[in-house]
Amino acid sequence: MSTDVGNVLFFVGVGVVGVSGNIFNLIFSLQQQVKTRSIQTVGLILDVISISNIILVLSTLAMVVSVFLNAHIWCIKPYPLGLRFEMYLMMTCGFISFWAIAWLSLFYCIKVVNFSSEIFRTLKKNISTVINTAVTLSCLFSFLLFLPAFSLDLPDSADKNISETNITTCPQPTFTLQIDINAYAAAVLLLICPIPLMIMLPTSVRMVVHLCAHTRALQKNQTQVQGSDSYLLVCKLTISLVGVYLSTLFMVALYFIIKVLGAFMTYQALVSAFTFYCGMTSVLLTASNRYLKDKLWSLFCCRKAKEPVSKSQTVVTQDV
């Protein structure tokens, strides 16, 4: 019992750290948008990531508490509505946050890199509108995609009176809706991993290549353009976010693979993956945003936050 209490307290502590970082980003990002009376694309994505991360951590912690209060909750038929709602929020908010990172990588790539193709030049002129629309549609689509989570339940053949001493042998849940489970699972996996990754990796690599070429050009004094510090900051941010995304997916995939193979794997591994993701993304977004970074320093060091003064200083806080 003491071990269970310790685990709950540990995850609550980790969750508080992840939530507090995202709440900080959200509050001061909104404050900046109110001051400037505009919502730029980067600010919108930051808001979406922060809100989805906050809900993701809170729903994960709610599941921890639910399991702690009733260790046999996975064997109850029908599943409690609260448990289904927590799973729905976890999947929906994780999906939104992952895709927001993909859209952020695409946005920076199109804005920073110079393309010779007329299609990309046209896209560059309208990239803010395109990404804003994509982010909004991603949110709406995720709300619909995971609605079947509310139909999750133990199969009809499951024994309703499962022994309390044999809780690890609870049957795998299934959907009560008439849907092809394999097709649905395959579609969800494609939308969570390969497709966003196909956006993140090429755009990140393209920005790195552009940064290298840009740096060589400056060293040879062939061009006088915006300093490479801003480009480097953008590249570090996108690559770091992709790394966090891949690390989280690896931990989540490992959890489900072990569960499918029938081996015992505590749900705490899944909780650890999501809290790690939310905490790291909040730290990276704060570190890459001059306004948020100055606000953070002002809270701890009594230093007044500086307003952005030049385009090269605000490439990560505002649209380029």
C-alpha atoms as a PDB file:
ATOM      1  CA  MET A   1       0.000   0.000   0.000  1.00  0.00           C
ATOM      2  CA  SER A   2       2.801   2.411   0.895  1.00  0.00           C
ATOM      3  CA  THR A   3       4.439   1.659  -2.461  1.00  0.00           C
ATOM      4  CA  ASP A   4       1.219   2.539  -4.297  1.00  0.00           C
ATOM      5  CA  VAL A   5       0.926   5.805  -2.366  1.00  0.00           C
ATOM      6  CA  GLY A   6       4.543   6.609  -3.177  1.00  0.00           C
ATOM      7  CA  ASN A   7       3.976   5.949  -6.875  1.00  0.00           C
ATOM      8  CA  VAL A   8       0.904   8.169  -6.924  1.00  0.00           C
ATOM      9  CA  LEU A   9       2.745  10.988  -5.143  1.00  0.00           C
ATOM     10  CA  PHE A  10       5.687  10.637  -7.525  1.00  0.00           C
ATOM     11  CA  PHE A  11       3.526  10.872 -10.646  1.00  0.00           C
ATOM     12  CA  VAL A  12       1.499  13.723  -9.181  1.00  0.00           C
ATOM     13  CA  GLY A  13       4.753  15.598  -8.519  1.00  0.00           C
ATOM     14  CA  VAL A  14       6.035  14.960 -12.039  1.00  0.00           C
ATOM     15  CA  GLY A  15       2.646  15.907 -13.450  1.00  0.00           C
ATOM     16  CA  VAL A  16       2.600  19.182 -11.528  1.00  0.00           C
ATOM     17  CA  VAL A  17       5.966  20.087 -13.064  1.00  0.00           C
ATOM     18  CA  GLY A  18       4.667  19.344 -16.577  1.00  0.00           C
ATOM     19  CA  VAL A  19       1.403  21.201 -16.007  1.00  0.00           C
ATOM     20  CA  SER A  20       3.036  24.236 -14.407  1.00  0.00           C
ATOM     21  CA  GLY A  21       5.415  24.693 -17.347  1.00  0.00           C
ATOM     22  CA  ASN A  22       2.596  24.549 -19.875  1.00  0.00           C
ATOM     23  CA  ILE A  23       0.383  26.832 -17.775  1.00  0.00           C
ATOM     24  CA  PHE A  24       3.225  29.350 -17.623  1.00  0.00           C
ATOM     25  CA  ASN A  25       3.643  29.245 -21.411  1.00  0.00           C
ATOM     26  CA  LEU A  26      -0.094  29.557 -22.003  1.00  0.00           C
ATOM     27  CA  ILE A  27      -0.655  32.479 -19.627  1.00  0.00           C
ATOM     28  CA  PHE A  28       2.184  34.632 -20.880  1.00  0.00           C
ATOM     29  CA  SER A  29       1.636  33.693 -24.517  1.00  0.00           C
ATOM     30  CA  LEU A  30      -1.970  34.869 -24.199  1.00  0.00           C
ATOM     31  CA  GLN A  31      -0.763  37.973 -22.385  1.00  0.00           C
ATOM     32  CA  GLN A  32       1.546  38.805 -25.280  1.00  0.00           C
ATOM     33  CA  GLN A  33      -1.258  38.243 -27.784  1.00  0.00           C
ATOM     34  CA  VAL A  34      -3.565  40.549 -25.820  1.00  0.00           C
ATOM     35  CA  LYS A  35      -0.880  43.251 -25.766  1.00  0.00           C
ATOM     36  CA  THR A  36      -0.203  43.003 -29.495  1.00  0.00           C
ATOM     37  CA  ARG A  37      -3.922  42.431 -30.254  1.00  0.00           C
ATOM     38  CA  SER A  38      -3.007  39.696 -32.718  1.00  0.00           C
ATOM     39  CA  ILE A  39      -2.632  35.936 -32.759  1.00  0.00           C
ATOM     40  CA  GLN A  40       0.237  34.894 -34.964  1.00  0.00           C
ATOM     41  CA  THR A  41       0.729  31.350 -36.198  1.00  0.00           C
ATOM     42  CA  VAL A  42       3.534  30.461 -33.802  1.00  0.00           C
ATOM     43  CA  GLY A  43       1.516  31.852 -30.913  1.00  0.00           C
ATOM     44  CA  LEU A  44      -1.520  29.828 -31.952  1.00  0.00           C
ATOM     45  CA  ILE A  45       0.509  26.617 -32.127  1.00  0.00           C
ATOM     46  CA  LEU A  46       2.106  27.362 -28.758  1.00  0.00           C
ATOM     47  CA  ASP A  47      -1.354  27.861 -27.237  1.00  0.00           C
ATOM     48  CA  VAL A  48      -2.644  24.618 -28.763  1.00  0.00           C
ATOM     49  CA  ILE A  49       0.365  22.625 -27.545  1.00  0.00           C
ATOM     50  CA  SER A  50       0.139  24.113 -24.048  1.00  0.00           C
ATOM     51  CA  ILE A  51      -3.612  23.493 -23.673  1.00  0.00           C
ATOM     52  CA  SER A  52      -3.443  19.944 -25.041  1.00  0.00           C
ATOM     53  CA  ASN A  53      -0.442  19.131 -22.841  1.00  0.00           C
ATOM     54  CA  ILE A  54      -2.198  20.445 -19.731  1.00  0.00           C
ATOM     55  CA  ILE A  55      -5.288  18.324 -20.426  1.00  0.00           C
ATOM     56  CA  LEU A  56      -3.098  15.341 -21.329  1.00  0.00           C
ATOM     57  CA  VAL A  57      -1.242  15.447 -18.005  1.00  0.00           C
ATOM     58  CA  LEU A  58      -4.389  16.065 -15.958  1.00  0.00           C
ATOM     59  CA  SER A  59      -6.281  13.209 -17.630  1.00  0.00           C
ATOM     60  CA  THR A  60      -3.279  10.923 -17.119  1.00  0.00           C
ATOM     61  CA  LEU A  61      -3.079  11.844 -13.440  1.00  0.00           C
ATOM     62  CA  ALA A  62      -6.843  11.315 -13.126  1.00  0.00           C
ATOM     63  CA  MET A  63      -6.351   7.792 -14.448  1.00  0.00           C
ATOM     64  CA  VAL A  64      -3.575   7.206 -11.894  1.00  0.00           C
ATOM     65  CA  VAL A  65      -5.887   8.274  -9.100  1.00  0.00           C
ATOM     66  CA  SER A  66      -8.758   6.179 -10.490  1.00  0.00           C
ATOM     67  CA  VAL A  67      -6.617   3.035 -10.548  1.00  0.00           C
ATOM     68  CA  PHE A  68      -5.262   3.829  -7.088  1.00  0.00           C
ATOM     69  CA  LEU A  69      -8.767   4.167  -5.656  1.00  0.00           C
ATOM     70  CA  ASN A  70      -9.985   1.007  -7.391  1.00  0.00           C
ATOM     71  CA  ALA A  71      -7.271  -1.439  -8.463  1.00  0.00           C
ATOM     72  CA  HIS A  72      -9.907  -3.592 -10.189  1.00  0.00           C
ATOM     73  CA  ILE A  73     -11.267  -0.791 -12.367  1.00  0.00           C
ATOM     74  CA  TRP A  74     -10.012  -2.456 -15.583  1.00  0.00           C
ATOM     75  CA  CYS A  75     -12.115  -5.516 -14.750  1.00  0.00           C
ATOM     76  CA  ILE A  76     -15.397  -3.677 -14.249  1.00  0.00           C
ATOM     77  CA  LYS A  77     -18.081  -4.243 -16.850  1.00  0.00           C
ATOM     78  CA  PRO A  78     -19.237  -1.835 -18.137  1.00  0.00           C
ATOM     79  CA  TYR A  79     -16.227   0.466 -17.948  1.00  0.00           C
ATOM     80  CA  PRO A  80     -16.902   3.544 -15.780  1.00  0.00           C
ATOM     81  CA  LEU A  81     -17.712   6.626 -17.860  1.00  0.00           C
ATOM     82  CA  GLY A  82     -14.968   8.555 -16.085  1.00  0.00           C
ATOM     83  CA  LEU A  83     -12.354   6.032 -17.189  1.00  0.00           C
ATOM     84  CA  ARG A  84     -13.545   6.194 -20.793  1.00  0.00           C
ATOM     85  CA  PHE A  85     -13.472   9.997 -20.698  1.00  0.00           C
ATOM     86  CA  GLU A  86      -9.917   9.988 -19.329  1.00  0.00           C
ATOM     87  CA  MET A  87      -8.772   7.676 -22.138  1.00  0.00           C
ATOM     88  CA  TYR A  88     -10.560   9.849 -24.709  1.00  0.00           C
ATOM     89  CA  LEU A  89      -8.829  12.997 -23.452  1.00  0.00           C
ATOM     90  CA  MET A  90      -5.432  11.297 -23.353  1.00  0.00           C
ATOM     91  CA  MET A  91      -5.664  10.085 -26.949  1.00  0.00           C
ATOM     92  CA  THR A  92      -7.239  13.281 -28.302  1.00  0.00           C
ATOM     93  CA  CYS A  93      -4.835  15.708 -26.643  1.00  0.00           C
ATOM     94  CA  GLY A  94      -1.797  13.577 -27.466  1.00  0.00           C
ATOM     95  CA  PHE A  95      -2.879  13.522 -31.112  1.00  0.00           C
ATOM     96  CA  ILE A  96      -3.398  17.305 -31.188  1.00  0.00           C
ATOM     97  CA  SER A  97      -0.049  18.021 -29.564  1.00  0.00           C
ATOM     98  CA  PHE A  98       1.855  15.685 -31.900  1.00  0.00           C
ATOM     99  CA  TRP A  99       0.311  17.240 -35.001  1.00  0.00           C
ATOM    100  CA  ALA A 100       0.890  20.769 -33.684  1.00  0.00           C
ATOM    101  CA  ILE A 101       4.610  20.006 -33.583  1.00  0.00           C
ATOM    102  CA  ALA A 102       4.436  18.721 -37.155  1.00  0.00           C
ATOM    103  CA  TRP A 103       2.699  21.912 -38.331  1.00  0.00           C
ATOM    104  CA  LEU A 104       5.250  24.039 -36.435  1.00  0.00           C
ATOM    105  CA  SER A 105       8.120  22.259 -38.210  1.00  0.00           C
ATOM    106  CA  LEU A 106       6.447  22.768 -41.589  1.00  0.00           C
ATOM    107  CA  PHE A 107       5.735  26.426 -40.849  1.00  0.00           C
ATOM    108  CA  TYR A 108       9.336  27.226 -39.937  1.00  0.00           C
ATOM    109  CA  CYS A 109      10.692  25.292 -42.906  1.00  0.00           C
ATOM    110  CA  ILE A 110       8.534  27.151 -45.410  1.00  0.00           C
ATOM    111  CA  LYS A 111       9.207  30.548 -43.791  1.00  0.00           C
ATOM    112  CA  VAL A 112      12.968  30.128 -43.326  1.00  0.00           C
ATOM    113  CA  VAL A 113      14.111  28.160 -46.375  1.00  0.00           C
ATOM    114  CA  ASN A 114      14.243  29.763 -49.808  1.00  0.00           C
ATOM    115  CA  PHE A 115      12.578  27.679 -52.512  1.00  0.00           C
ATOM    116  CA  SER A 116      12.922  28.076 -56.275  1.00  0.00           C
ATOM    117  CA  SER A 117       9.615  26.368 -57.030  1.00  0.00           C
ATOM    118  CA  GLU A 118       6.729  28.711 -57.770  1.00  0.00           C
ATOM    119  CA  ILE A 119       4.387  26.459 -55.775  1.00  0.00           C
ATOM    120  CA  PHE A 120       6.457  26.847 -52.615  1.00  0.00           C
ATOM    121  CA  ARG A 121       6.788  30.588 -53.191  1.00  0.00           C
ATOM    122  CA  THR A 122       3.012  30.887 -53.338  1.00  0.00           C
ATOM    123  CA  LEU A 123       2.687  28.681 -50.276  1.00  0.00           C
ATOM    124  CA  LYS A 124       5.219  30.861 -48.462  1.00  0.00           C
ATOM    125  CA  LYS A 125       3.061  33.936 -49.002  1.00  0.00           C
ATOM    126  CA  ASN A 126       0.001  32.207 -47.534  1.00  0.00           C
ATOM    127  CA  ILE A 127       1.692  29.852 -45.054  1.00  0.00           C
ATOM    128  CA  SER A 128       0.171  31.487 -41.969  1.00  0.00           C
ATOM    129  CA  THR A 129      -3.365  31.002 -43.228  1.00  0.00           C
ATOM    130  CA  VAL A 130      -2.612  27.457 -44.367  1.00  0.00           C
ATOM    131  CA  ILE A 131      -1.065  26.411 -41.039  1.00  0.00           C
ATOM    132  CA  ASN A 132      -3.752  28.150 -38.962  1.00  0.00           C
ATOM    133  CA  THR A 133      -6.400  26.228 -40.915  1.00  0.00           C
ATOM    134  CA  ALA A 134      -4.457  22.967 -40.615  1.00  0.00           C
ATOM    135  CA  VAL A 135      -4.103  23.344 -36.836  1.00  0.00           C
ATOM    136  CA  THR A 136      -7.824  24.053 -36.443  1.00  0.00           C
ATOM    137  CA  LEU A 137      -8.841  21.118 -38.626  1.00  0.00           C
ATOM    138  CA  SER A 138      -6.437  18.825 -36.747  1.00  0.00           C
ATOM    139  CA  CYS A 139      -8.139  19.703 -33.468  1.00  0.00           C
ATOM    140  CA  LEU A 140     -11.630  19.123 -34.867  1.00  0.00           C
ATOM    141  CA  PHE A 141     -10.602  15.879 -36.542  1.00  0.00           C
ATOM    142  CA  SER A 142      -9.030  14.497 -33.357  1.00  0.00           C
ATOM    143  CA  PHE A 143     -12.228  15.140 -31.381  1.00  0.00           C
ATOM    144  CA  LEU A 144     -14.127  12.994 -33.890  1.00  0.00           C
ATOM    145  CA  LEU A 145     -11.442  10.359 -34.436  1.00  0.00           C
ATOM    146  CA  PHE A 146     -11.372   9.129 -30.842  1.00  0.00           C
ATOM    147  CA  LEU A 147     -15.106   9.189 -30.117  1.00  0.00           C
ATOM    148  CA  PRO A 148     -15.167   5.355 -30.287  1.00  0.00           C
ATOM    149  CA  ALA A 149     -13.202   5.416 -27.000  1.00  0.00           C
ATOM    150  CA  PHE A 150     -16.534   5.976 -25.251  1.00  0.00           C
ATOM    151  CA  SER A 151     -17.637   2.531 -26.464  1.00  0.00           C
ATOM    152  CA  LEU A 152     -14.642   0.715 -24.953  1.00  0.00           C
ATOM    153  CA  ASP A 153     -15.698  -2.134 -22.705  1.00  0.00           C
ATOM    154  CA  LEU A 154     -14.854  -5.687 -21.758  1.00  0.00           C
ATOM    155  CA  PRO A 155     -16.034  -8.275 -24.287  1.00  0.00           C
ATOM    156  CA  ASP A 156     -19.436  -9.870 -23.697  1.00  0.00           C
ATOM    157  CA  SER A 157     -17.775 -13.198 -23.012  1.00  0.00           C
ATOM    158  CA  ALA A 158     -15.858 -11.743 -20.070  1.00  0.00           C
ATOM    159  CA  ASP A 159     -16.767 -12.971 -16.634  1.00  0.00           C
ATOM    160  CA  LYS A 160     -18.468 -10.146 -14.775  1.00  0.00           C
ATOM    161  CA  ASN A 161     -17.370 -11.567 -11.472  1.00  0.00           C
ATOM    162  CA  ILE A 162     -13.617 -11.619 -11.997  1.00  0.00           C
ATOM    163  CA  SER A 163     -11.775 -12.643  -8.895  1.00  0.00           C
ATOM    164  CA  GLU A 164     -10.193  -9.760  -7.070  1.00  0.00           C
ATOM    165  CA  THR A 165      -7.054 -11.836  -6.653  1.00  0.00           C
ATOM    166  CA  ASN A 166      -6.711 -12.339 -10.396  1.00  0.00           C
ATOM    167  CA  ILE A 167      -6.957  -8.792 -11.699  1.00  0.00           C
ATOM    168  CA  THR A 168      -3.956  -9.107 -14.032  1.00  0.00           C
ATOM    169  CA  THR A 169      -5.901 -11.515 -16.255  1.00  0.00           C
ATOM    170  CA  CYS A 170      -8.657  -9.084 -17.206  1.00  0.00           C
ATOM    171  CA  PRO A 171      -9.602  -9.498 -20.884  1.00  0.00           C
ATOM    172  CA  GLN A 172      -8.456  -6.912 -23.388  1.00  0.00           C
ATOM    173  CA  PRO A 173     -11.151  -4.251 -23.925  1.00  0.00           C
ATOM    174  CA  THR A 174     -12.971  -3.979 -27.216  1.00  0.00           C
ATOM    175  CA  PHE A 175     -15.379  -1.598 -28.926  1.00  0.00           C
ATOM    176  CA  THR A 176     -19.096  -2.162 -28.546  1.00  0.00           C
ATOM    177  CA  LEU A 177     -19.615  -0.260 -31.795  1.00  0.00           C
ATOM    178  CA  GLN A 178     -19.722  -2.225 -35.031  1.00  0.00           C
ATOM    179  CA  ILE A 179     -16.359  -1.115 -36.423  1.00  0.00           C
ATOM    180  CA  ASP A 180     -13.363  -2.944 -37.845  1.00  0.00           C
ATOM    181  CA  ILE A 181     -10.984  -2.807 -34.894  1.00  0.00           C
ATOM    182  CA  ASN A 182      -7.893  -3.691 -36.933  1.00  0.00           C
ATOM    183  CA  ALA A 183      -8.616  -1.059 -39.595  1.00  0.00           C
ATOM    184  CA  TYR A 184      -9.381   1.569 -36.963  1.00  0.00           C
ATOM    185  CA  ALA A 185      -6.208   0.791 -35.000  1.00  0.00           C
ATOM    186  CA  ALA A 186      -4.114   0.890 -38.179  1.00  0.00           C
ATOM    187  CA  ALA A 187      -5.574   4.274 -39.174  1.00  0.00           C
ATOM    188  CA  VAL A 188      -4.903   5.731 -35.718  1.00  0.00           C
ATOM    189  CA  LEU A 189      -1.323   4.442 -35.687  1.00  0.00           C
ATOM    190  CA  LEU A 190      -0.667   5.894 -39.148  1.00  0.00           C
ATOM    191  CA  LEU A 191      -2.004   9.284 -38.072  1.00  0.00           C
ATOM    192  CA  ILE A 192      -0.019   9.302 -34.824  1.00  0.00           C
ATOM    193  CA  CYS A 193       3.380   8.165 -36.047  1.00  0.00           C
ATOM    194  CA  PRO A 194       4.376   7.755 -39.711  1.00  0.00           C
ATOM    195  CA  ILE A 195       2.454  10.665 -41.228  1.00  0.00           C
ATOM    196  CA  PRO A 196       3.476  13.385 -38.706  1.00  0.00           C
ATOM    197  CA  LEU A 197       7.022  12.022 -38.831  1.00  0.00           C
ATOM    198  CA  MET A 198       6.995  12.341 -42.625  1.00  0.00           C
ATOM    199  CA  ILE A 199       6.388  16.048 -42.062  1.00  0.00           C
ATOM    200  CA  MET A 200       8.748  16.604 -39.142  1.00  0.00           C
ATOM    201  CA  LEU A 201      11.893  14.851 -40.357  1.00  0.00           C
ATOM    202  CA  PRO A 202      12.157  16.232 -43.927  1.00  0.00           C
ATOM    203  CA  THR A 203      11.385  19.786 -42.792  1.00  0.00           C
ATOM    204  CA  SER A 204      13.913  19.591 -39.949  1.00  0.00           C
ATOM    205  CA  VAL A 205      16.601  18.148 -42.225  1.00  0.00           C
ATOM    206  CA  ARG A 206      15.858  20.790 -44.872  1.00  0.00           C
ATOM    207  CA  MET A 207      16.305  23.549 -42.310  1.00  0.00           C
ATOM    208  CA  VAL A 208      19.603  22.081 -41.137  1.00  0.00           C
ATOM    209  CA  VAL A 209      20.855  21.947 -44.737  1.00  0.00           C
ATOM    210  CA  HIS A 210      19.730  25.540 -45.262  1.00  0.00           C
ATOM    211  CA  LEU A 211      21.466  26.626 -42.047  1.00  0.00           C
ATOM    212  CA  CYS A 212      24.741  25.015 -43.112  1.00  0.00           C
ATOM    213  CA  ALA A 213      24.605  26.688 -46.528  1.00  0.00           C
ATOM    214  CA  HIS A 214      23.633  29.990 -44.940  1.00  0.00           C
ATOM    215  CA  THR A 215      26.533  29.809 -42.475  1.00  0.00           C
ATOM    216  CA  ARG A 216      29.054  29.039 -45.217  1.00  0.00           C
ATOM    217  CA  ALA A 217      27.740  31.967 -47.249  1.00  0.00           C
ATOM    218  CA  LEU A 218      28.211  34.325 -44.306  1.00  0.00           C
ATOM    219  CA  GLN A 219      31.729  33.062 -43.717  1.00  0.00           C
ATOM    220  CA  LYS A 220      32.583  33.775 -47.350  1.00  0.00           C
ATOM    221  CA  ASN A 221      30.899  37.209 -47.150  1.00  0.00           C
ATOM    222  CA  GLN A 222      28.784  36.336 -50.168  1.00  0.00           C
ATOM    223  CA  THR A 223      25.562  37.651 -48.688  1.00  0.00           C
ATOM    224  CA  GLN A 224      24.346  39.916 -45.940  1.00  0.00           C
ATOM    225  CA  VAL A 225      21.134  38.510 -44.600  1.00  0.00           C
ATOM    226  CA  GLN A 226      19.592  37.770 -41.276  1.00  0.00           C
ATOM    227  CA  GLY A 227      22.060  36.431 -38.668  1.00  0.00           C
ATOM    228  CA  SER A 228      22.389  32.687 -38.343  1.00  0.00           C
ATOM    229  CA  ASP A 229      21.613  32.750 -34.592  1.00  0.00           C
ATOM    230  CA  SER A 230      17.880  32.884 -35.272  1.00  0.00           C
ATOM    231  CA  TYR A 231      18.076  30.054 -37.801  1.00  0.00           C
ATOM    232  CA  LEU A 232      20.120  27.979 -35.365  1.00  0.00           C
ATOM    233  CA  LEU A 233      17.547  28.522 -32.623  1.00  0.00           C
ATOM    234  CA  VAL A 234      14.726  27.424 -34.919  1.00  0.00           C
ATOM    235  CA  CYS A 235      16.641  24.303 -35.978  1.00  0.00           C
ATOM    236  CA  LYS A 236      17.463  23.394 -32.383  1.00  0.00           C
ATOM    237  CA  LEU A 237      13.817  23.798 -31.391  1.00  0.00           C
ATOM    238  CA  THR A 238      12.339  21.678 -34.191  1.00  0.00           C
ATOM    239  CA  ILE A 239      14.966  18.931 -33.928  1.00  0.00           C
ATOM    240  CA  SER A 240      14.582  18.789 -30.131  1.00  0.00           C
ATOM    241  CA  LEU A 241      10.781  18.590 -30.400  1.00  0.00           C
ATOM    242  CA  VAL A 242      11.091  15.778 -32.944  1.00  0.00           C
ATOM    243  CA  GLY A 243      13.454  13.974 -30.567  1.00  0.00           C
ATOM    244  CA  VAL A 244      11.008  14.285 -27.677  1.00  0.00           C
ATOM    245  CA  TYR A 245       8.173  13.119 -29.941  1.00  0.00           C
ATOM    246  CA  LEU A 246      10.105  10.030 -31.061  1.00  0.00           C
ATOM    247  CA  SER A 247      11.194   9.198 -27.503  1.00  0.00           C
ATOM    248  CA  THR A 248       7.592   9.392 -26.309  1.00  0.00           C
ATOM    249  CA  LEU A 249       6.334   7.234 -29.167  1.00  0.00           C
ATOM    250  CA  PHE A 250       9.010   4.651 -28.418  1.00  0.00           C
ATOM    251  CA  MET A 251       7.958   4.402 -24.757  1.00  0.00           C
ATOM    252  CA  VAL A 252       4.255   4.217 -25.646  1.00  0.00           C
ATOM    253  CA  ALA A 253       4.860   1.637 -28.404  1.00  0.00           C
ATOM    254  CA  LEU A 254       6.980  -0.462 -26.053  1.00  0.00           C
ATOM    255  CA  TYR A 255       4.173  -0.437 -23.495  1.00  0.00           C
ATOM    256  CA  PHE A 256       1.520  -1.617 -25.950  1.00  0.00           C
ATOM    257  CA  ILE A 257       3.788  -4.228 -27.573  1.00  0.00           C
ATOM    258  CA  ILE A 258       4.511  -5.781 -24.192  1.00  0.00           C
ATOM    259  CA  LYS A 259       0.806  -5.723 -23.324  1.00  0.00           C
ATOM    260  CA  VAL A 260      -0.143  -7.354 -26.640  1.00  0.00           C
ATOM    261  CA  LEU A 261       2.440 -10.103 -26.074  1.00  0.00           C
ATOM    262  CA  GLY A 262       0.668 -10.882 -22.830  1.00  0.00           C
ATOM    263  CA  ALA A 263       3.489  -9.869 -20.492  1.00  0.00           C
ATOM    264  CA  PHE A 264       2.826  -7.768 -17.428  1.00  0.00           C
ATOM    265  CA  MET A 265       3.527  -4.066 -17.886  1.00  0.00           C
ATOM    266  CA  THR A 266       2.378  -1.484 -15.389  1.00  0.00           C
ATOM    267  CA  TYR A 267       0.376   1.460 -16.721  1.00  0.00           C
ATOM    268  CA  GLN A 268       2.875   3.710 -14.952  1.00  0.00           C
ATOM    269  CA  ALA A 269       5.174   3.366 -17.972  1.00  0.00           C
ATOM    270  CA  LEU A 270       2.496   5.041 -20.079  1.00  0.00           C
ATOM    271  CA  VAL A 271       2.077   7.764 -17.465  1.00  0.00           C
ATOM    272  CA  SER A 272       5.833   8.358 -17.428  1.00  0.00           C
ATOM    273  CA  ALA A 273       5.924   8.720 -21.223  1.00  0.00           C
ATOM    274  CA  PHE A 274       3.194  11.380 -21.323  1.00  0.00           C
ATOM    275  CA  THR A 275       4.514  13.368 -18.364  1.00  0.00           C
ATOM    276  CA  PHE A 276       8.000  13.304 -19.916  1.00  0.00           C
ATOM    277  CA  TYR A 277       6.602  14.552 -23.218  1.00  0.00           C
ATOM    278  CA  CYS A 278       4.561  17.381 -21.700  1.00  0.00           C
ATOM    279  CA  GLY A 279       7.357  18.522 -19.411  1.00  0.00           C
ATOM    280  CA  MET A 280      10.044  18.512 -22.104  1.00  0.00           C
ATOM    281  CA  THR A 281       7.930  20.280 -24.725  1.00  0.00           C
ATOM    282  CA  SER A 282       7.075  23.053 -22.245  1.00  0.00           C
ATOM    283  CA  VAL A 283      10.759  23.503 -21.392  1.00  0.00           C
ATOM    284  CA  LEU A 284      11.809  23.594 -25.054  1.00  0.00           C
ATOM    285  CA  LEU A 285       9.099  26.078 -26.028  1.00  0.00           C
ATOM    286  CA  THR A 286      10.012  28.340 -23.117  1.00  0.00           C
ATOM    287  CA  ALA A 287      13.740  28.164 -23.856  1.00  0.00           C
ATOM    288  CA  SER A 288      13.196  29.004 -27.541  1.00  0.00           C
ATOM    289  CA  ASN A 289      10.839  31.921 -26.927  1.00  0.00           C
ATOM    290  CA  ARG A 290      12.552  35.181 -25.972  1.00  0.00           C
ATOM    291  CA  TYR A 291       9.428  36.707 -24.454  1.00  0.00           C
ATOM    292  CA  LEU A 292       8.657  33.661 -22.304  1.00  0.00           C
ATOM    293  CA  LYS A 293      12.305  33.301 -21.328  1.00  0.00           C
ATOM    294  CA  ASP A 294      12.481  36.922 -20.172  1.00  0.00           C
ATOM    295  CA  LYS A 295       9.233  36.480 -18.256  1.00  0.00           C
ATOM    296  CA  LEU A 296      10.641  33.427 -16.518  1.00  0.00           C
ATOM    297  CA  TRP A 297      13.800  35.284 -15.558  1.00  0.00           C
ATOM    298  CA  SER A 298      11.732  38.198 -14.290  1.00  0.00           C
ATOM    299  CA  LEU A 299       9.811  35.857 -11.981  1.00  0.00           C
ATOM    300  CA  PHE A 300      12.930  34.355 -10.416  1.00  0.00           C
ATOM    301  CA  CYS A 301      15.429  37.185 -10.748  1.00  0.00           C
ATOM    302  CA  CYS A 302      13.177  40.230 -10.401  1.00  0.00           C
ATOM    303  CA  ARG A 303      14.267  41.357 -13.849  1.00  0.00           C
ATOM    304  CA  LYS A 304      11.756  43.110 -16.060  1.00  0.00           C
ATOM    305  CA  ALA A 305      10.878  41.173 -19.188  1.00  0.00           C
ATOM    306  CA  LYS A 306      12.100  42.822 -22.370  1.00  0.00           C
ATOM    307  CA  GLU A 307       9.828  43.424 -25.308  1.00  0.00           C
ATOM    308  CA  PRO A 308      10.995  42.018 -28.651  1.00  0.00           C
ATOM    309  CA  VAL A 309      13.127  44.618 -30.391  1.00  0.00           C
ATOM    310  CA  SER A 310      14.118  43.104 -33.691  1.00  0.00           C
ATOM    311  CA  LYS A 311      13.096  40.490 -36.164  1.00  0.00           C
ATOM    312  CA  SER A 312      16.252  38.467 -35.649  1.00  0.00           C
ATOM    313  CA  GLN A 313      15.480  38.271 -31.929  1.00  0.00           C
ATOM    314  CA  THR A 314      11.896  37.201 -32.372  1.00  0.00           C
ATOM    315  CA  VAL A 315      12.098  34.591 -35.100  1.00  0.00           C
ATOM    316  CA  VAL A 316      10.817  31.943 -32.691  1.00  0.00           C
ATOM    317  CA  THR A 317       8.253  34.066 -30.860  1.00  0.00           C
ATOM    318  CA  GLN A 318       6.610  35.609 -33.881  1.00  0.00           C
ATOM    319  CA  ASP A 319       5.945  34.701 -37.484  1.00  0.00           C
ATOM    320  CA  VAL A 320       9.100  35.115 -39.525  1.00  0.00           C
END
